[in-house]
All heavy atoms as atom14 arrays in JSON, in Angstrom:
{
  "sequence": "RLTISRDNAQNTVYLQMNSLKPEDTAVYYCAAEP",
  "atom14_mask": [
    [1, 1, 1, 1, 1, 1, 1, 1, 1, 1, 1, 0, 0, 0],
    [1, 1, 1, 1, 1, 1, 1, 1, 0, 0, 0, 0, 0, 0],
    [1, 1, 1, 1, 1, 1, 1, 0, 0, 0, 0, 0, 0, 0],
    [1, 1, 1, 1, 1, 1, 1, 1, 0, 0, 0, 0, 0, 0],
    [1, 1, 1, 1, 1, 1, 0, 0, 0, 0, 0, 0, 0, 0],
    [1, 1, 1, 1, 1, 1, 1, 1, 1, 1, 1, 0, 0, 0],
    [1, 1, 1, 1, 1, 1, 1, 1, 0, 0, 0, 0, 0, 0],
    [1, 1, 1, 1, 1, 1, 1, 1, 0, 0, 0, 0, 0, 0],
    [1, 1, 1, 1, 1, 0, 0, 0, 0, 0, 0, 0, 0, 0],
    [1, 1, 1, 1, 1, 1, 1, 1, 1, 0, 0, 0, 0, 0],
    [1, 1, 1, 1, 1, 1, 1, 1, 0, 0, 0, 0, 0, 0],
    [1, 1, 1, 1, 1, 1, 1, 0, 0, 0, 0, 0, 0, 0],
    [1, 1, 1, 1, 1, 1, 1, 0, 0, 0, 0, 0, 0, 0],
    [1, 1, 1, 1, 1, 1, 1, 1, 1, 1, 1, 1, 0, 0],
    [1, 1, 1, 1, 1, 1, 1, 1, 0, 0, 0, 0, 0, 0],
    [1, 1, 1, 1, 1, 1, 1, 1, 1, 0, 0, 0, 0, 0],
    [1, 1, 1, 1, 1, 1, 1, 1, 0, 0, 0, 0, 0, 0],
    [1, 1, 1, 1, 1, 1, 1, 1, 0, 0, 0, 0, 0, 0],
    [1, 1, 1, 1, 1, 1, 0, 0, 0, 0, 0, 0, 0, 0],
    [1, 1, 1, 1, 1, 1, 1, 1, 0, 0, 0, 0, 0, 0],
    [1, 1, 1, 1, 1, 1, 1, 1, 1, 0, 0, 0, 0, 0],
    [1, 1, 1, 1, 1, 1, 1, 0, 0, 0, 0, 0, 0, 0],
    [1, 1, 1, 1, 1, 1, 1, 1, 1, 0, 0, 0, 0, 0],
    [1, 1, 1, 1, 1, 1, 1, 1, 0, 0, 0, 0, 0, 0],
    [1, 1, 1, 1, 1, 1, 1, 0, 0, 0, 0, 0, 0, 0],
    [1, 1, 1, 1, 1, 0, 0, 0, 0, 0, 0, 0, 0, 0],
    [1, 1, 1, 1, 1, 1, 1, 0, 0, 0, 0, 0, 0, 0],
    [1, 1, 1, 1, 1, 1, 1, 1, 1, 1, 1, 1, 0, 0],
    [1, 1, 1, 1, 1, 1, 1, 1, 1, 1, 1, 1, 0, 0],
    [1, 1, 1, 1, 1, 1, 0, 0, 0, 0, 0, 0, 0, 0],
    [1, 1, 1, 1, 1, 0, 0, 0, 0, 0, 0, 0, 0, 0],
    [1, 1, 1, 1, 1, 0, 0, 0, 0, 0, 0, 0, 0, 0],
    [1, 1, 1, 1, 1, 1, 1, 1, 1, 0, 0, 0, 0, 0],
    [1, 1, 1, 1, 1, 1, 1, 0, 0, 0, 0, 0, 0, 0]
  ],
  "atom14_positions": [
    [[9.07, -13.32, -7.08], [10.19, -12.37, -7.16], [9.77, -10.98, -7.61], [10.36, -10.0, -7.23], [11.26, -12.9, -8.12], [11.83, -14.24, -7.71], [13.01, -14.67, -8.61], [12.62, -14.81, -10.0], [13.04, -14.02, -10.99], [13.86, -13.04, -10.71], [12.64, -14.24, -12.22], [0.0, 0.0, 0.0], [0.0, 0.0, 0.0], [0.0, 0.0, 0.0]],
    [[8.73, -10.93, -8.43], [8.23, -9.66, -8.97], [6.87, -9.38, -8.42], [6.05, -10.3, -8.28], [8.22, -9.65, -10.47], [9.53, -9.27, -11.2], [10.68, -10.21, -10.83], [9.31, -9.23, -12.69], [0.0, 0.0, 0.0], [0.0, 0.0, 0.0], [0.0, 0.0, 0.0], [0.0, 0.0, 0.0], [0.0, 0.0, 0.0], [0.0, 0.0, 0.0]],
    [[6.59, -8.12, -8.15], [5.28, -7.71, -7.64], [4.81, -6.49, -8.39], [5.5, -5.47, -8.47], [5.34, -7.39, -6.15], [5.81, -8.52, -5.43], [3.94, -7.03, -5.63], [0.0, 0.0, 0.0], [0.0, 0.0, 0.0], [0.0, 0.0, 0.0], [0.0, 0.0, 0.0], [0.0, 0.0, 0.0], [0.0, 0.0, 0.0], [0.0, 0.0, 0.0]],
    [[3.61, -6.58, -8.96], [3.02, -5.44, -9.67], [2.03, -4.72, -8.76], [1.36, -5.36, -7.93], [2.33, -5.93, -10.95], [1.93, -4.74, -11.85], [1.1, -6.78, -10.64], [1.46, -5.15, -13.23], [0.0, 0.0, 0.0], [0.0, 0.0, 0.0], [0.0, 0.0, 0.0], [0.0, 0.0, 0.0], [0.0, 0.0, 0.0], [0.0, 0.0, 0.0]],
    [[1.98, -3.43, -8.87], [1.05, -2.63, -8.1], [0.7, -1.37, -8.88], [1.36, -1.03, -9.86], [1.62, -2.27, -6.72], [2.81, -1.48, -6.88], [0.0, 0.0, 0.0], [0.0, 0.0, 0.0], [0.0, 0.0, 0.0], [0.0, 0.0, 0.0], [0.0, 0.0, 0.0], [0.0, 0.0, 0.0], [0.0, 0.0, 0.0], [0.0, 0.0, 0.0]],
    [[-0.32, -0.69, -8.46], [-0.72, 0.53, -9.12], [-1.19, 1.58, -8.14], [-1.72, 1.26, -7.08], [-1.8, 0.28, -10.19], [-3.16, -0.16, -9.63], [-4.07, -0.6, -10.79], [-4.3, 0.48, -11.72], [-4.66, 0.32, -13.01], [-4.79, -0.89, -13.48], [-4.84, 1.38, -13.79], [0.0, 0.0, 0.0], [0.0, 0.0, 0.0], [0.0, 0.0, 0.0]],
    [[-0.98, 2.8, -8.51], [-1.42, 3.93, -7.71], [-2.16, 4.86, -8.7], [-1.54, 5.68, -9.37], [-0.25, 4.65, -7.04], [-0.68, 5.75, -6.1], [-1.87, 6.2, -6.18], [0.11, 6.16, -5.25], [0.0, 0.0, 0.0], [0.0, 0.0, 0.0], [0.0, 0.0, 0.0], [0.0, 0.0, 0.0], [0.0, 0.0, 0.0], [0.0, 0.0, 0.0]],
    [[-3.45, 4.69, -8.77], [-4.22, 5.44, -9.75], [-4.19, 6.96, -9.46], [-4.27, 7.76, -10.38], [-5.7, 4.96, -9.77], [-5.84, 3.64, -10.48], [-4.91, 3.13, -11.07], [-7.02, 3.09, -10.4], [0.0, 0.0, 0.0], [0.0, 0.0, 0.0], [0.0, 0.0, 0.0], [0.0, 0.0, 0.0], [0.0, 0.0, 0.0], [0.0, 0.0, 0.0]],
    [[-4.04, 7.32, -8.2], [-3.95, 8.73, -7.85], [-2.7, 9.36, -8.46], [-2.7, 10.55, -8.79], [-3.94, 8.92, -6.34], [0.0, 0.0, 0.0], [0.0, 0.0, 0.0], [0.0, 0.0, 0.0], [0.0, 0.0, 0.0], [0.0, 0.0, 0.0], [0.0, 0.0, 0.0], [0.0, 0.0, 0.0], [0.0, 0.0, 0.0], [0.0, 0.0, 0.0]],
    [[-1.64, 8.58, -8.61], [-0.41, 9.02, -9.23], [-0.33, 8.68, -10.71], [0.65, 9.02, -11.36], [0.81, 8.45, -8.48], [0.95, 8.9, -7.05], [1.2, 10.38, -6.95], [1.98, 10.95, -7.71], [0.56, 11.02, -5.99], [0.0, 0.0, 0.0], [0.0, 0.0, 0.0], [0.0, 0.0, 0.0], [0.0, 0.0, 0.0], [0.0, 0.0, 0.0]],
    [[-1.35, 8.0, -11.2], [-1.4, 7.6, -12.61], [-0.17, 6.78, -12.99], [0.4, 6.96, -14.08], [-1.52, 8.83, -13.51], [-2.45, 8.62, -14.69], [-3.35, 7.76, -14.65], [-2.25, 9.4, -15.75], [0.0, 0.0, 0.0], [0.0, 0.0, 0.0], [0.0, 0.0, 0.0], [0.0, 0.0, 0.0], [0.0, 0.0, 0.0], [0.0, 0.0, 0.0]],
    [[0.23, 5.91, -12.1], [1.46, 5.16, -12.25], [1.29, 3.7, -11.84], [0.52, 3.43, -10.87], [2.58, 5.8, -11.42], [2.77, 7.16, -11.82], [3.91, 5.05, -11.6], [0.0, 0.0, 0.0], [0.0, 0.0, 0.0], [0.0, 0.0, 0.0], [0.0, 0.0, 0.0], [0.0, 0.0, 0.0], [0.0, 0.0, 0.0], [0.0, 0.0, 0.0]],
    [[1.95, 2.81, -12.55], [2.0, 1.4, -12.19], [3.46, 1.05, -11.93], [4.36, 1.56, -12.6], [1.41, 0.54, -13.31], [1.58, -0.94, -12.99], [-0.07, 0.88, -13.5], [0.0, 0.0, 0.0], [0.0, 0.0, 0.0], [0.0, 0.0, 0.0], [0.0, 0.0, 0.0], [0.0, 0.0, 0.0], [0.0, 0.0, 0.0], [0.0, 0.0, 0.0]],
    [[3.66, 0.17, -10.98], [5.02, -0.21, -10.57], [5.26, -1.69, -10.75], [4.33, -2.52, -10.71], [5.28, 0.14, -9.11], [5.02, 1.62, -8.8], [3.81, 2.04, -8.28], [6.01, 2.56, -9.05], [3.58, 3.37, -8.0], [5.79, 3.89, -8.76], [4.57, 4.3, -8.24], [4.34, 5.62, -7.95], [0.0, 0.0, 0.0], [0.0, 0.0, 0.0]],
    [[6.49, -2.01, -10.92], [6.92, -3.43, -10.93], [8.15, -3.54, -10.04], [9.23, -3.14, -10.42], [7.26, -3.93, -12.34], [7.57, -5.41, -12.46], [6.33, -6.26, -12.14], [8.09, -5.75, -13.86], [0.0, 0.0, 0.0], [0.0, 0.0, 0.0], [0.0, 0.0, 0.0], [0.0, 0.0, 0.0], [0.0, 0.0, 0.0], [0.0, 0.0, 0.0]],
    [[7.94, -4.07, -8.83], [9.04, -4.3, -7.92], [9.69, -5.62, -8.26], [9.04, -6.66, -8.3], [8.53, -4.34, -6.47], [9.61, -4.58, -5.44], [10.59, -3.44, -5.34], [10.22, -2.3, -5.29], [11.87, -3.79, -5.36], [0.0, 0.0, 0.0], [0.0, 0.0, 0.0], [0.0, 0.0, 0.0], [0.0, 0.0, 0.0], [0.0, 0.0, 0.0]],
    [[10.98, -5.56, -8.56], [11.73, -6.71, -8.99], [12.81, -7.07, -7.96], [13.73, -6.29, -7.73], [12.37, -6.44, -10.35], [11.41, -5.85, -11.38], [12.24, -5.3, -12.91], [12.74, -6.87, -13.61], [0.0, 0.0, 0.0], [0.0, 0.0, 0.0], [0.0, 0.0, 0.0], [0.0, 0.0, 0.0], [0.0, 0.0, 0.0], [0.0, 0.0, 0.0]],
    [[12.66, -8.22, -7.34], [13.6, -8.7, -6.34], [14.24, -10.01, -6.8], [13.71, -10.69, -7.67], [12.89, -8.91, -5.01], [12.29, -7.65, -4.43], [12.83, -6.55, -4.62], [11.18, -7.81, -3.72], [0.0, 0.0, 0.0], [0.0, 0.0, 0.0], [0.0, 0.0, 0.0], [0.0, 0.0, 0.0], [0.0, 0.0, 0.0], [0.0, 0.0, 0.0]],
    [[15.35, -10.34, -6.18], [16.06, -11.59, -6.47], [16.26, -11.76, -7.96], [16.0, -12.84, -8.54], [15.27, -12.79, -5.9], [15.11, -12.65, -4.5], [0.0, 0.0, 0.0], [0.0, 0.0, 0.0], [0.0, 0.0, 0.0], [0.0, 0.0, 0.0], [0.0, 0.0, 0.0], [0.0, 0.0, 0.0], [0.0, 0.0, 0.0], [0.0, 0.0, 0.0]],
    [[16.76, -10.74, -8.59], [16.88, -10.76, -10.06], [17.93, -11.77, -10.51], [18.95, -11.98, -9.84], [17.23, -9.37, -10.55], [16.04, -8.37, -10.54], [16.55, -6.95, -10.73], [15.05, -8.73, -11.62], [0.0, 0.0, 0.0], [0.0, 0.0, 0.0], [0.0, 0.0, 0.0], [0.0, 0.0, 0.0], [0.0, 0.0, 0.0], [0.0, 0.0, 0.0]],
    [[17.67, -12.34, -11.68], [18.52, -13.34, -12.27], [18.98, -12.85, -13.62], [18.34, -12.01, -14.25], [17.75, -14.67, -12.45], [17.16, -15.23, -11.19], [16.33, -16.48, -11.47], [15.74, -17.06, -10.24], [14.93, -18.26, -10.54], [0.0, 0.0, 0.0], [0.0, 0.0, 0.0], [0.0, 0.0, 0.0], [0.0, 0.0, 0.0], [0.0, 0.0, 0.0]],
    [[20.11, -13.38, -14.13], [20.54, -13.0, -15.46], [19.49, -13.23, -16.51], [19.43, -12.49, -17.5], [21.78, -13.88, -15.69], [22.32, -14.11, -14.33], [21.1, -14.23, -13.44], [0.0, 0.0, 0.0], [0.0, 0.0, 0.0], [0.0, 0.0, 0.0], [0.0, 0.0, 0.0], [0.0, 0.0, 0.0], [0.0, 0.0, 0.0], [0.0, 0.0, 0.0]],
    [[18.65, -14.21, -16.34], [17.58, -14.52, -17.29], [16.55, -13.42, -17.35], [15.74, -13.38, -18.27], [16.91, -15.84, -16.93], [17.82, -17.02, -16.82], [18.31, -17.25, -15.41], [19.32, -16.6, -15.03], [17.7, -18.05, -14.67], [0.0, 0.0, 0.0], [0.0, 0.0, 0.0], [0.0, 0.0, 0.0], [0.0, 0.0, 0.0], [0.0, 0.0, 0.0]],
    [[16.53, -12.51, -16.38], [15.61, -11.39, -16.38], [16.08, -10.25, -17.26], [15.32, -9.27, -17.44], [15.39, -10.87, -14.96], [14.74, -11.9, -14.05], [13.8, -12.59, -14.49], [15.19, -12.02, -12.89], [0.0, 0.0, 0.0], [0.0, 0.0, 0.0], [0.0, 0.0, 0.0], [0.0, 0.0, 0.0], [0.0, 0.0, 0.0], [0.0, 0.0, 0.0]],
    [[17.27, -10.33, -17.8], [17.81, -9.28, -18.64], [16.95, -9.13, -19.9], [16.73, -10.06, -20.65], [19.27, -9.58, -19.02], [20.08, -9.59, -17.86], [19.78, -8.51, -19.99], [0.0, 0.0, 0.0], [0.0, 0.0, 0.0], [0.0, 0.0, 0.0], [0.0, 0.0, 0.0], [0.0, 0.0, 0.0], [0.0, 0.0, 0.0], [0.0, 0.0, 0.0]],
    [[16.45, -7.92, -20.12], [15.58, -7.66, -21.24], [15.18, -6.17, -21.22], [15.46, -5.44, -20.26], [14.31, -8.52, -21.18], [0.0, 0.0, 0.0], [0.0, 0.0, 0.0], [0.0, 0.0, 0.0], [0.0, 0.0, 0.0], [0.0, 0.0, 0.0], [0.0, 0.0, 0.0], [0.0, 0.0, 0.0], [0.0, 0.0, 0.0], [0.0, 0.0, 0.0]],
    [[14.55, -5.74, -22.29], [13.88, -4.45, -22.28], [12.48, -4.69, -21.76], [11.75, -5.55, -22.26], [13.84, -3.84, -23.68], [13.05, -2.53, -23.66], [15.24, -3.58, -24.21], [0.0, 0.0, 0.0], [0.0, 0.0, 0.0], [0.0, 0.0, 0.0], [0.0, 0.0, 0.0], [0.0, 0.0, 0.0], [0.0, 0.0, 0.0], [0.0, 0.0, 0.0]],
    [[12.1, -3.92, -20.78], [10.8, -4.06, -20.13], [9.87, -2.96, -20.61], [10.2, -1.79, -20.59], [10.92, -4.02, -18.6], [11.44, -5.31, -18.04], [12.77, -5.67, -18.22], [10.63, -6.16, -17.34], [13.27, -6.87, -17.71], [11.08, -7.37, -16.82], [12.43, -7.73, -17.02], [12.88, -8.91, -16.51], [0.0, 0.0, 0.0], [0.0, 0.0, 0.0]],
    [[8.67, -3.38, -21.02], [7.68, -2.45, -21.54], [6.41, -2.54, -20.68], [6.04, -3.61, -20.21], [7.26, -2.82, -22.98], [8.37, -2.85, -23.98], [9.13, -3.97, -24.19], [8.65, -1.72, -24.73], [10.15, -4.02, -25.13], [9.68, -1.73, -25.67], [10.42, -2.88, -25.86], [11.42, -2.9, -26.8], [0.0, 0.0, 0.0], [0.0, 0.0, 0.0]],
    [[5.77, -1.38, -20.5], [4.44, -1.41, -19.94], [3.44, -1.12, -21.03], [3.76, -0.48, -22.04], [4.3, -0.43, -18.76], [4.4, 1.31, -19.18], [0.0, 0.0, 0.0], [0.0, 0.0, 0.0], [0.0, 0.0, 0.0], [0.0, 0.0, 0.0], [0.0, 0.0, 0.0], [0.0, 0.0, 0.0], [0.0, 0.0, 0.0], [0.0, 0.0, 0.0]],
    [[2.24, -1.6, -20.85], [1.18, -1.43, -21.85], [-0.16, -1.29, -21.14], [-0.33, -1.79, -20.02], [1.16, -2.62, -22.81], [0.0, 0.0, 0.0], [0.0, 0.0, 0.0], [0.0, 0.0, 0.0], [0.0, 0.0, 0.0], [0.0, 0.0, 0.0], [0.0, 0.0, 0.0], [0.0, 0.0, 0.0], [0.0, 0.0, 0.0], [0.0, 0.0, 0.0]],
    [[-1.07, -0.64, -21.8], [-2.38, -0.35, -21.21], [-3.48, -0.61, -22.21], [-3.34, -0.38, -23.4], [-2.45, 1.1, -20.74], [0.0, 0.0, 0.0], [0.0, 0.0, 0.0], [0.0, 0.0, 0.0], [0.0, 0.0, 0.0], [0.0, 0.0, 0.0], [0.0, 0.0, 0.0], [0.0, 0.0, 0.0], [0.0, 0.0, 0.0], [0.0, 0.0, 0.0]],
    [[-4.59, -1.14, -21.72], [-5.79, -1.3, -22.53], [-7.03, -1.25, -21.66], [-7.01, -1.79, -20.54], [-5.75, -2.59, -23.34], [-5.85, -3.84, -22.54], [-6.04, -5.08, -23.39], [-6.53, -4.96, -24.54], [-5.69, -6.2, -22.94], [0.0, 0.0, 0.0], [0.0, 0.0, 0.0], [0.0, 0.0, 0.0], [0.0, 0.0, 0.0], [0.0, 0.0, 0.0]],
    [[-8.1, -0.66, -22.18], [-9.35, -0.68, -21.42], [-10.01, -2.05, -21.58], [-10.04, -2.62, -22.65], [-10.16, 0.43, -22.06], [-9.69, 0.47, -23.48], [-8.21, 0.13, -23.42], [0.0, 0.0, 0.0], [0.0, 0.0, 0.0], [0.0, 0.0, 0.0], [0.0, 0.0, 0.0], [0.0, 0.0, 0.0], [0.0, 0.0, 0.0], [0.0, 0.0, 0.0]]
  ]
}
């Protein structure tokens, strides 16, 4: 249902969320580490 991708040229990461369910309700955070 969810797909993660990144575009380093845009310095951005995406999370495509499809077929969402009530159980997906939350605060969503992104995080980075080398």
